């Protein structure tokens, strides 16, 4: 854990070495890496995990332009290019999920898969922010200790956040439909936006999975961490397009994949990647659809 220079700005970054593929954790709005990474890391023991405090969050100070989602997406892309230096699996919670979706739309070459936890794709989603409490003395003290900035800056950050959430993000279902990597959509059954919005997100994706967690809220990461970890582990062990016994929404794509799989198997054209040929085939089929 240390500060890095990310294109001229000092950003707090952490890295957990592992032999597996890189995973980048994207924390929620008005939050920080250390407020949630410990709840996700048990599911990522064999992965090379990166995380950072975005500008105006945690230990990273504010700078001009902060908090707008375009700004945060560009910062995430810079982190992927300069620090991770290769395509990665993204796990985002709340604002972090929004940023992950936007990165997958803008730079699909940098995203291998995506876990969206409590994310909305448009501000017009029945959003209620009543769960965000007034700033306590403890929160002010923690902010000053972590960021080295005066408490008045936290008031400025919160005002900017609420202004942004009132008009952003503005993704469309057509844009979401361009995301071809595997996406796991996770949400509590009592999110601060409508369940219909979550379902709309899932149904817009080419290769999505959906899990609505019963008896949980926007904070289900902390309410049911073991269930969260189990779902992430399952997602990472089964990233091919789901082939099910009774497909409905996936029926057409499943038939295309099975037909293409049969043709390639019969021709013996399994490529040079051994056991990865099916995964490559599925990605090609999704791009052609």
C-alpha atoms as a PDB file:
ATOM      1  CA  UNK A   1       0.000   0.000   0.000  1.00  0.00           C
ATOM      2  CA  UNK A   2       1.449   3.294  -1.109  1.00  0.00           C
ATOM      3  CA  UNK A   3       0.923   6.433  -3.116  1.00  0.00           C
ATOM      4  CA  UNK A   4       1.643   6.270  -6.836  1.00  0.00           C
ATOM      5  CA  UNK A   5       1.946   9.027  -9.397  1.00  0.00           C
ATOM      6  CA  UNK A   6      -0.935   8.456 -11.795  1.00  0.00           C
ATOM      7  CA  UNK A   7      -0.420  10.894 -14.643  1.00  0.00           C
ATOM      8  CA  UNK A   8       0.519  13.738 -12.347  1.00  0.00           C
ATOM      9  CA  UNK A   9      -1.791  13.025  -9.405  1.00  0.00           C
ATOM     10  CA  UNK A  10      -0.862  11.222  -6.184  1.00  0.00           C
ATOM     11  CA  UNK A  11      -3.214   8.226  -5.847  1.00  0.00           C
ATOM     12  CA  UNK A  12      -3.402   5.705  -3.005  1.00  0.00           C
ATOM     13  CA  UNK A  13      -2.955   2.210  -4.463  1.00  0.00           C
ATOM     14  CA  UNK A  14      -2.784  -1.324  -3.099  1.00  0.00           C
ATOM     15  CA  UNK A  15      -1.667  -4.580  -4.671  1.00  0.00           C
ATOM     16  CA  UNK A  16      -2.017  -8.189  -3.519  1.00  0.00           C
ATOM     17  CA  UNK A  17       0.307 -10.426  -5.476  1.00  0.00           C
ATOM     18  CA  UNK A  18      -1.003 -13.656  -6.902  1.00  0.00           C
ATOM     19  CA  UNK A  19      -0.263 -15.925  -9.845  1.00  0.00           C
ATOM     20  CA  UNK A  20      -3.722 -15.573 -11.380  1.00  0.00           C
ATOM     21  CA  UNK A  21      -5.156 -12.979 -13.707  1.00  0.00           C
ATOM     22  CA  UNK A  22      -5.429  -9.353 -12.523  1.00  0.00           C
ATOM     23  CA  UNK A  23      -8.546  -8.133 -10.745  1.00  0.00           C
ATOM     24  CA  UNK A  24      -9.219  -4.462 -10.034  1.00  0.00           C
ATOM     25  CA  UNK A  25     -11.517  -3.485  -7.145  1.00  0.00           C
ATOM     26  CA  UNK A  26     -13.512  -0.271  -7.550  1.00  0.00           C
ATOM     27  CA  UNK A  27     -14.989   0.999  -4.274  1.00  0.00           C
ATOM     28  CA  UNK A  28     -18.270   2.842  -3.859  1.00  0.00           C
ATOM     29  CA  UNK A  29     -18.951   6.561  -3.853  1.00  0.00           C
ATOM     30  CA  UNK A  30     -17.889   8.561  -0.774  1.00  0.00           C
ATOM     31  CA  UNK A  31     -15.975   5.458   0.284  1.00  0.00           C
ATOM     32  CA  UNK A  32     -12.489   3.942   0.027  1.00  0.00           C
ATOM     33  CA  UNK A  33     -10.600   0.759  -0.748  1.00  0.00           C
ATOM     34  CA  UNK A  34     -10.038  -0.178   2.878  1.00  0.00           C
ATOM     35  CA  UNK A  35     -13.747   0.102   3.679  1.00  0.00           C
ATOM     36  CA  UNK A  36     -14.560  -3.040   1.651  1.00  0.00           C
ATOM     37  CA  UNK A  37     -11.567  -4.848   0.112  1.00  0.00           C
ATOM     38  CA  UNK A  38     -11.240  -7.185   3.114  1.00  0.00           C
ATOM     39  CA  UNK A  39     -14.737  -8.507   2.353  1.00  0.00           C
ATOM     40  CA  UNK A  40     -13.903  -9.393  -1.265  1.00  0.00           C
ATOM     41  CA  UNK A  41     -10.299 -10.582  -1.003  1.00  0.00           C
ATOM     42  CA  UNK A  42     -11.191 -14.039   0.445  1.00  0.00           C
ATOM     43  CA  UNK A  43     -12.816 -14.830  -2.930  1.00  0.00           C
ATOM     44  CA  UNK A  44      -9.676 -13.777  -4.823  1.00  0.00           C
ATOM     45  CA  UNK A  45      -6.876 -15.668  -3.111  1.00  0.00           C
ATOM     46  CA  UNK A  46      -5.300 -16.891  -6.361  1.00  0.00           C
ATOM     47  CA  UNK A  47      -5.719 -13.608  -8.233  1.00  0.00           C
ATOM     48  CA  UNK A  48      -3.408 -10.644  -8.668  1.00  0.00           C
ATOM     49  CA  UNK A  49      -5.555  -7.969  -7.027  1.00  0.00           C
ATOM     50  CA  UNK A  50      -5.204  -4.223  -7.532  1.00  0.00           C
ATOM     51  CA  UNK A  51      -7.213  -1.441  -5.920  1.00  0.00           C
ATOM     52  CA  UNK A  52      -6.951   2.311  -5.549  1.00  0.00           C
ATOM     53  CA  UNK A  53      -8.694   5.214  -3.871  1.00  0.00           C
ATOM     54  CA  UNK A  54     -10.198   7.358  -6.609  1.00  0.00           C
ATOM     55  CA  UNK A  55      -9.688  11.106  -6.619  1.00  0.00           C
ATOM     56  CA  UNK A  56     -11.627  12.706  -3.717  1.00  0.00           C
ATOM     57  CA  UNK A  57     -11.997   9.323  -1.997  1.00  0.00           C
ATOM     58  CA  UNK A  58     -10.190   7.676   0.898  1.00  0.00           C
ATOM     59  CA  UNK A  59      -6.548   8.736   0.980  1.00  0.00           C
ATOM     60  CA  UNK A  60      -6.511  10.413  -2.440  1.00  0.00           C
ATOM     61  CA  UNK A  61      -7.000  14.190  -2.471  1.00  0.00           C
ATOM     62  CA  UNK A  62      -9.327  16.203  -4.680  1.00  0.00           C
ATOM     63  CA  UNK A  63      -8.289  17.842  -7.945  1.00  0.00           C
ATOM     64  CA  UNK A  64      -9.987  19.857 -10.657  1.00  0.00           C
ATOM     65  CA  UNK A  65     -12.842  18.056 -12.401  1.00  0.00           C
ATOM     66  CA  UNK A  66     -13.332  15.430  -9.692  1.00  0.00           C
ATOM     67  CA  UNK A  67     -16.402  13.234  -9.247  1.00  0.00           C
ATOM     68  CA  UNK A  68     -18.030  13.435 -12.668  1.00  0.00           C
ATOM     69  CA  UNK A  69     -18.217   9.900 -14.037  1.00  0.00           C
ATOM     70  CA  UNK A  70     -16.306  10.789 -17.218  1.00  0.00           C
ATOM     71  CA  UNK A  71     -13.460  11.939 -14.970  1.00  0.00           C
ATOM     72  CA  UNK A  72     -13.565   8.769 -12.867  1.00  0.00           C
ATOM     73  CA  UNK A  73     -13.709   6.534 -15.950  1.00  0.00           C
ATOM     74  CA  UNK A  74     -10.651   8.218 -17.472  1.00  0.00           C
ATOM     75  CA  UNK A  75      -8.841   7.747 -14.157  1.00  0.00           C
ATOM     76  CA  UNK A  76      -9.758   4.037 -14.131  1.00  0.00           C
ATOM     77  CA  UNK A  77      -8.518   3.618 -17.702  1.00  0.00           C
ATOM     78  CA  UNK A  78      -5.255   5.346 -16.780  1.00  0.00           C
ATOM     79  CA  UNK A  79      -4.864   2.974 -13.817  1.00  0.00           C
ATOM     80  CA  UNK A  80      -5.458  -0.074 -16.010  1.00  0.00           C
ATOM     81  CA  UNK A  81      -3.010   1.145 -18.652  1.00  0.00           C
ATOM     82  CA  UNK A  82      -0.236   2.437 -16.390  1.00  0.00           C
ATOM     83  CA  UNK A  83      -0.420   0.227 -13.288  1.00  0.00           C
ATOM     84  CA  UNK A  84      -2.115  -3.060 -14.215  1.00  0.00           C
ATOM     85  CA  UNK A  85      -0.733  -2.882 -17.768  1.00  0.00           C
ATOM     86  CA  UNK A  86      -3.042  -5.563 -19.146  1.00  0.00           C
ATOM     87  CA  UNK A  87      -6.762  -6.413 -19.421  1.00  0.00           C
ATOM     88  CA  UNK A  88      -8.300  -7.165 -16.033  1.00  0.00           C
ATOM     89  CA  UNK A  89     -11.408  -8.457 -14.312  1.00  0.00           C
ATOM     90  CA  UNK A  90     -13.286  -5.572 -12.683  1.00  0.00           C
ATOM     91  CA  UNK A  91     -15.330  -5.739  -9.468  1.00  0.00           C
ATOM     92  CA  UNK A  92     -17.211  -2.558  -8.642  1.00  0.00           C
ATOM     93  CA  UNK A  93     -19.616  -1.634  -5.881  1.00  0.00           C
ATOM     94  CA  UNK A  94     -22.165   1.198  -6.338  1.00  0.00           C
ATOM     95  CA  UNK A  95     -20.295   4.051  -8.092  1.00  0.00           C
ATOM     96  CA  UNK A  96     -17.511   1.547  -8.691  1.00  0.00           C
ATOM     97  CA  UNK A  97     -19.963  -0.659 -10.603  1.00  0.00           C
ATOM     98  CA  UNK A  98     -21.048   2.314 -12.721  1.00  0.00           C
ATOM     99  CA  UNK A  99     -17.413   3.087 -13.538  1.00  0.00           C
ATOM    100  CA  UNK A 100     -16.739  -0.562 -14.422  1.00  0.00           C
ATOM    101  CA  UNK A 101     -19.684  -0.604 -16.851  1.00  0.00           C
ATOM    102  CA  UNK A 102     -18.551   2.642 -18.446  1.00  0.00           C
ATOM    103  CA  UNK A 103     -14.987   1.358 -18.847  1.00  0.00           C
ATOM    104  CA  UNK A 104     -16.322  -1.822 -20.476  1.00  0.00           C
ATOM    105  CA  UNK A 105     -18.269   0.341 -22.952  1.00  0.00           C
ATOM    106  CA  UNK A 106     -15.455   2.802 -23.660  1.00  0.00           C
ATOM    107  CA  UNK A 107     -12.480   0.417 -23.577  1.00  0.00           C
ATOM    108  CA  UNK A 108     -13.665  -3.187 -23.969  1.00  0.00           C
ATOM    109  CA  UNK A 109     -10.082  -4.229 -24.702  1.00  0.00           C
ATOM    110  CA  UNK A 110      -9.199  -3.568 -21.057  1.00  0.00           C
ATOM    111  CA  UNK A 111     -12.002  -5.608 -19.441  1.00  0.00           C
ATOM    112  CA  UNK A 112     -11.996  -9.422 -19.212  1.00  0.00           C
ATOM    113  CA  UNK A 113     -15.089  -9.697 -17.015  1.00  0.00           C
ATOM    114  CA  UNK A 114     -17.137  -7.526 -14.705  1.00  0.00           C
ATOM    115  CA  UNK A 115     -18.956  -7.864 -11.390  1.00  0.00           C
ATOM    116  CA  UNK A 116     -21.491  -5.076 -10.857  1.00  0.00           C
ATOM    117  CA  UNK A 117     -22.588  -4.830  -7.228  1.00  0.00           C
ATOM    118  CA  UNK A 118     -25.490  -2.482  -6.529  1.00  0.00           C
ATOM    119  CA  UNK A 119     -24.883  -0.493  -9.711  1.00  0.00           C
ATOM    120  CA  UNK A 120     -27.329   1.657 -11.679  1.00  0.00           C
ATOM    121  CA  UNK A 121     -26.757   2.612 -15.302  1.00  0.00           C
ATOM    122  CA  UNK A 122     -28.923   5.758 -15.340  1.00  0.00           C
ATOM    123  CA  UNK A 123     -29.729   8.366 -12.728  1.00  0.00           C
ATOM    124  CA  UNK A 124     -33.431   8.126 -13.572  1.00  0.00           C
ATOM    125  CA  UNK A 125     -33.958   4.828 -11.787  1.00  0.00           C
ATOM    126  CA  UNK A 126     -36.144   5.716  -8.819  1.00  0.00           C
ATOM    127  CA  UNK A 127     -32.992   6.608  -6.890  1.00  0.00           C
ATOM    128  CA  UNK A 128     -33.345   7.504  -3.218  1.00  0.00           C
ATOM    129  CA  UNK A 129     -30.346   8.821  -1.288  1.00  0.00           C
ATOM    130  CA  UNK A 130     -32.011   8.897   2.112  1.00  0.00           C
ATOM    131  CA  UNK A 131     -29.739   6.090   3.327  1.00  0.00           C
ATOM    132  CA  UNK A 132     -26.759   8.493   3.264  1.00  0.00           C
ATOM    133  CA  UNK A 133     -26.566  10.045   6.705  1.00  0.00           C
ATOM    134  CA  UNK A 134     -25.442  13.515   7.742  1.00  0.00           C
ATOM    135  CA  UNK A 135     -21.715  13.819   8.366  1.00  0.00           C
ATOM    136  CA  UNK A 136     -20.783  12.831  11.908  1.00  0.00           C
ATOM    137  CA  UNK A 137     -17.838  14.088  13.932  1.00  0.00           C
ATOM    138  CA  UNK A 138     -16.306  10.621  13.620  1.00  0.00           C
ATOM    139  CA  UNK A 139     -16.570  10.790   9.825  1.00  0.00           C
ATOM    140  CA  UNK A 140     -14.975  14.250   9.748  1.00  0.00           C
ATOM    141  CA  UNK A 141     -12.104  13.029  11.941  1.00  0.00           C
ATOM    142  CA  UNK A 142     -11.541   9.935   9.809  1.00  0.00           C
ATOM    143  CA  UNK A 143     -11.542  12.050   6.644  1.00  0.00           C
ATOM    144  CA  UNK A 144      -8.960  14.464   8.032  1.00  0.00           C
ATOM    145  CA  UNK A 145      -6.733  11.612   9.247  1.00  0.00           C
ATOM    146  CA  UNK A 146      -6.909   9.614   6.000  1.00  0.00           C
ATOM    147  CA  UNK A 147      -6.721  12.332   3.394  1.00  0.00           C
ATOM    148  CA  UNK A 148      -4.814  15.090   5.161  1.00  0.00           C
ATOM    149  CA  UNK A 149      -7.444  17.593   4.028  1.00  0.00           C
ATOM    150  CA  UNK A 150      -9.580  19.926   6.210  1.00  0.00           C
ATOM    151  CA  UNK A 151     -13.149  18.888   7.007  1.00  0.00           C
ATOM    152  CA  UNK A 152     -14.575  21.624   4.791  1.00  0.00           C
ATOM    153  CA  UNK A 153     -13.286  19.653   1.803  1.00  0.00           C
ATOM    154  CA  UNK A 154     -15.505  16.706   2.785  1.00  0.00           C
ATOM    155  CA  UNK A 155     -18.542  19.003   2.666  1.00  0.00           C
ATOM    156  CA  UNK A 156     -17.431  20.092  -0.802  1.00  0.00           C
ATOM    157  CA  UNK A 157     -17.017  16.478  -1.937  1.00  0.00           C
ATOM    158  CA  UNK A 158     -20.437  15.445  -0.643  1.00  0.00           C
ATOM    159  CA  UNK A 159     -22.160  18.365  -2.346  1.00  0.00           C
ATOM    160  CA  UNK A 160     -20.437  17.510  -5.627  1.00  0.00           C
ATOM    161  CA  UNK A 161     -21.415  13.854  -5.265  1.00  0.00           C
ATOM    162  CA  UNK A 162     -25.094  14.653  -4.790  1.00  0.00           C
ATOM    163  CA  UNK A 163     -25.010  17.054  -7.747  1.00  0.00           C
ATOM    164  CA  UNK A 164     -23.482  14.349  -9.961  1.00  0.00           C
ATOM    165  CA  UNK A 165     -25.895  11.630  -8.814  1.00  0.00           C
ATOM    166  CA  UNK A 166     -28.816  13.908  -9.761  1.00  0.00           C
ATOM    167  CA  UNK A 167     -27.777  13.897 -13.434  1.00  0.00           C
ATOM    168  CA  UNK A 168     -25.369  10.986 -13.975  1.00  0.00           C
ATOM    169  CA  UNK A 169     -24.808   8.309 -15.202  1.00  0.00           C
ATOM    170  CA  UNK A 170     -26.717   8.364 -18.486  1.00  0.00           C
ATOM    171  CA  UNK A 171     -25.929   4.998 -20.066  1.00  0.00           C
ATOM    172  CA  UNK A 172     -28.513   3.554 -22.443  1.00  0.00           C
ATOM    173  CA  UNK A 173     -29.557  -0.060 -22.870  1.00  0.00           C
ATOM    174  CA  UNK A 174     -28.101   0.120 -26.392  1.00  0.00           C
ATOM    175  CA  UNK A 175     -24.718   1.012 -24.935  1.00  0.00           C
ATOM    176  CA  UNK A 176     -24.961  -1.778 -22.369  1.00  0.00           C
ATOM    177  CA  UNK A 177     -25.707  -4.192 -25.215  1.00  0.00           C
ATOM    178  CA  UNK A 178     -22.244  -3.535 -26.651  1.00  0.00           C
ATOM    179  CA  UNK A 179     -20.574  -5.125 -23.609  1.00  0.00           C
ATOM    180  CA  UNK A 180     -19.552  -8.629 -24.681  1.00  0.00           C
ATOM    181  CA  UNK A 181     -17.481  -9.763 -21.684  1.00  0.00           C
ATOM    182  CA  UNK A 182     -19.121 -11.888 -18.945  1.00  0.00           C
ATOM    183  CA  UNK A 183     -20.968  -9.710 -16.417  1.00  0.00           C
ATOM    184  CA  UNK A 184     -22.334 -10.739 -13.031  1.00  0.00           C
ATOM    185  CA  UNK A 185     -25.039  -8.326 -11.838  1.00  0.00           C
ATOM    186  CA  UNK A 186     -25.498  -8.470  -8.055  1.00  0.00           C
ATOM    187  CA  UNK A 187     -28.058  -6.440  -6.129  1.00  0.00           C
ATOM    188  CA  UNK A 188     -29.865  -6.449  -2.834  1.00  0.00           C
ATOM    189  CA  UNK A 189     -33.630  -6.864  -2.969  1.00  0.00           C
ATOM    190  CA  UNK A 190     -33.956  -3.456  -1.277  1.00  0.00           C
ATOM    191  CA  UNK A 191     -31.610  -1.231  -3.278  1.00  0.00           C
ATOM    192  CA  UNK A 192     -32.084   2.582  -3.348  1.00  0.00           C
ATOM    193  CA  UNK A 193     -33.310   2.200  -6.939  1.00  0.00           C
ATOM    194  CA  UNK A 194     -35.987   0.033  -8.506  1.00  0.00           C
ATOM    195  CA  UNK A 195     -35.606  -3.705  -9.006  1.00  0.00           C
ATOM    196  CA  UNK A 196     -36.904  -3.161 -12.542  1.00  0.00           C
ATOM    197  CA  UNK A 197     -33.830  -1.028 -13.230  1.00  0.00           C
ATOM    198  CA  UNK A 198     -31.530  -3.852 -12.115  1.00  0.00           C
ATOM    199  CA  UNK A 199     -33.392  -6.345 -14.310  1.00  0.00           C
ATOM    200  CA  UNK A 200     -33.177  -3.926 -17.243  1.00  0.00           C
ATOM    201  CA  UNK A 201     -29.408  -3.748 -16.781  1.00  0.00           C
ATOM    202  CA  UNK A 202     -29.120  -7.530 -16.778  1.00  0.00           C
ATOM    203  CA  UNK A 203     -31.404  -8.042 -19.766  1.00  0.00           C
ATOM    204  CA  UNK A 204     -29.461  -5.521 -21.855  1.00  0.00           C
ATOM    205  CA  UNK A 205     -26.193  -7.445 -21.569  1.00  0.00           C
ATOM    206  CA  UNK A 206     -24.955  -9.959 -24.132  1.00  0.00           C
ATOM    207  CA  UNK A 207     -23.431 -12.272 -21.534  1.00  0.00           C
ATOM    208  CA  UNK A 208     -24.992 -11.422 -18.196  1.00  0.00           C
ATOM    209  CA  UNK A 209     -25.910 -13.279 -15.024  1.00  0.00           C
ATOM    210  CA  UNK A 210     -28.212 -11.903 -12.332  1.00  0.00           C
ATOM    211  CA  UNK A 211     -28.438 -12.522  -8.607  1.00  0.00           C
ATOM    212  CA  UNK A 212     -30.803 -10.577  -6.364  1.00  0.00           C
ATOM    213  CA  UNK A 213     -29.823 -11.171  -2.757  1.00  0.00           C
ATOM    214  CA  UNK A 214     -32.852 -11.731  -0.501  1.00  0.00           C
ATOM    215  CA  UNK A 215     -33.147  -9.778   2.711  1.00  0.00           C
ATOM    216  CA  UNK A 216     -30.382  -7.331   1.844  1.00  0.00           C
ATOM    217  CA  UNK A 217     -29.836  -3.691   0.916  1.00  0.00           C
ATOM    218  CA  UNK A 218     -27.313  -1.558  -0.962  1.00  0.00           C
ATOM    219  CA  UNK A 219     -24.896  -2.607   1.790  1.00  0.00           C
ATOM    220  CA  UNK A 220     -25.245  -6.352   1.231  1.00  0.00           C
ATOM    221  CA  UNK A 221     -21.457  -6.558   0.725  1.00  0.00           C
ATOM    222  CA  UNK A 222     -21.225  -6.035   4.484  1.00  0.00           C
ATOM    223  CA  UNK A 223     -24.523  -7.710   5.365  1.00  0.00           C
ATOM    224  CA  UNK A 224     -23.823 -11.048   3.644  1.00  0.00           C
ATOM    225  CA  UNK A 225     -20.099 -11.190   2.780  1.00  0.00           C
ATOM    226  CA  UNK A 226     -19.912 -14.992   2.683  1.00  0.00           C
ATOM    227  CA  UNK A 227     -22.663 -15.139   0.061  1.00  0.00           C
ATOM    228  CA  UNK A 228     -20.939 -12.404  -1.937  1.00  0.00           C
ATOM    229  CA  UNK A 229     -17.667 -14.333  -1.873  1.00  0.00           C
ATOM    230  CA  UNK A 230     -19.354 -17.576  -2.932  1.00  0.00           C
ATOM    231  CA  UNK A 231     -21.000 -15.879  -5.915  1.00  0.00           C
ATOM    232  CA  UNK A 232     -17.771 -14.254  -7.065  1.00  0.00           C
ATOM    233  CA  UNK A 233     -15.919 -17.582  -6.784  1.00  0.00           C
ATOM    234  CA  UNK A 234     -18.636 -19.324  -8.792  1.00  0.00           C
ATOM    235  CA  UNK A 235     -18.556 -16.600 -11.459  1.00  0.00           C
ATOM    236  CA  UNK A 236     -14.801 -16.901 -11.874  1.00  0.00           C
ATOM    237  CA  UNK A 237     -14.942 -20.667 -12.266  1.00  0.00           C
ATOM    238  CA  UNK A 238     -17.745 -20.503 -14.875  1.00  0.00           C
ATOM    239  CA  UNK A 239     -17.085 -17.603 -17.223  1.00  0.00           C
ATOM    240  CA  UNK A 240     -18.164 -19.262 -20.444  1.00  0.00           C
ATOM    241  CA  UNK A 241     -21.601 -18.289 -21.739  1.00  0.00           C
ATOM    242  CA  UNK A 242     -24.106 -20.199 -19.557  1.00  0.00           C
ATOM    243  CA  UNK A 243     -25.409 -23.345 -21.274  1.00  0.00           C
ATOM    244  CA  UNK A 244     -28.568 -24.339 -19.399  1.00  0.00           C
ATOM    245  CA  UNK A 245     -31.183 -27.083 -19.599  1.00  0.00           C
ATOM    246  CA  UNK A 246     -34.177 -24.813 -20.179  1.00  0.00           C
ATOM    247  CA  UNK A 247     -32.958 -21.560 -21.753  1.00  0.00           C
ATOM    248  CA  UNK A 248     -35.384 -18.717 -22.363  1.00  0.00           C
ATOM    249  CA  UNK A 249     -33.685 -15.356 -22.896  1.00  0.00           C
ATOM    250  CA  UNK A 250     -30.452 -17.164 -23.733  1.00  0.00           C
ATOM    251  CA  UNK A 251     -32.056 -19.717 -26.079  1.00  0.00           C
ATOM    252  CA  UNK A 252     -31.081 -18.136 -29.395  1.00  0.00           C
ATOM    253  CA  UNK A 253     -27.494 -17.474 -28.354  1.00  0.00           C
ATOM    254  CA  UNK A 254     -27.153 -20.919 -26.767  1.00  0.00           C
ATOM    255  CA  UNK A 255     -28.277 -22.572 -30.016  1.00  0.00           C
ATOM    256  CA  UNK A 256     -25.753 -20.529 -32.010  1.00  0.00           C
ATOM    257  CA  UNK A 257     -22.951 -21.445 -29.642  1.00  0.00           C
ATOM    258  CA  UNK A 258     -23.778 -25.159 -29.584  1.00  0.00           C
ATOM    259  CA  UNK A 259     -24.062 -25.222 -33.369  1.00  0.00           C
ATOM    260  CA  UNK A 260     -20.719 -23.464 -33.792  1.00  0.00           C
ATOM    261  CA  UNK A 261     -19.146 -25.680 -31.136  1.00  0.00           C
ATOM    262  CA  UNK A 262     -20.368 -28.794 -32.947  1.00  0.00           C
ATOM    263  CA  UNK A 263     -19.032 -27.557 -36.279  1.00  0.00           C
ATOM    264  CA  UNK A 264     -15.599 -26.722 -34.916  1.00  0.00           C
ATOM    265  CA  UNK A 265     -15.404 -29.969 -32.976  1.00  0.00           C
ATOM    266  CA  UNK A 266     -16.261 -32.033 -36.061  1.00  0.00           C
ATOM    267  CA  UNK A 267     -13.689 -30.180 -38.161  1.00  0.00           C
ATOM    268  CA  UNK A 268     -11.051 -30.642 -35.486  1.00  0.00           C
ATOM    269  CA  UNK A 269     -10.413 -26.896 -35.519  1.00  0.00           C
ATOM    270  CA  UNK A 270      -9.819 -26.392 -31.818  1.00  0.00           C
ATOM    271  CA  UNK A 271      -7.041 -23.871 -32.247  1.00  0.00           C
ATOM    272  CA  UNK A 272      -3.748 -23.662 -30.459  1.00  0.00           C
ATOM    273  CA  UNK A 273      -5.156 -22.843 -27.021  1.00  0.00           C
ATOM    274  CA  UNK A 274      -6.119 -26.340 -25.964  1.00  0.00           C
ATOM    275  CA  UNK A 275      -8.931 -26.234 -23.410  1.00  0.00           C
ATOM    276  CA  UNK A 276      -9.498 -22.511 -24.052  1.00  0.00           C
ATOM    277  CA  UNK A 277     -10.883 -23.068 -27.542  1.00  0.00           C
ATOM    278  CA  UNK A 278     -14.499 -23.179 -26.346  1.00  0.00           C
ATOM    279  CA  UNK A 279     -14.105 -19.860 -24.513  1.00  0.00           C
ATOM    280  CA  UNK A 280     -12.609 -18.270 -27.643  1.00  0.00           C
ATOM    281  CA  UNK A 281     -15.452 -19.679 -29.722  1.00  0.00           C
ATOM    282  CA  UNK A 282     -18.087 -18.184 -27.427  1.00  0.00           C
ATOM    283  CA  UNK A 283     -16.482 -14.746 -27.545  1.00  0.00           C
ATOM    284  CA  UNK A 284     -16.391 -14.872 -31.353  1.00  0.00           C
ATOM    285  CA  UNK A 285     -20.047 -15.936 -31.477  1.00  0.00           C
ATOM    286  CA  UNK A 286     -21.085 -13.087 -29.178  1.00  0.00           C
ATOM    287  CA  UNK A 287     -19.233 -10.526 -31.295  1.00  0.00           C
ATOM    288  CA  UNK A 288     -20.953 -11.780 -34.446  1.00  0.00           C
ATOM    289  CA  UNK A 289     -24.465 -11.666 -32.933  1.00  0.00           C
END
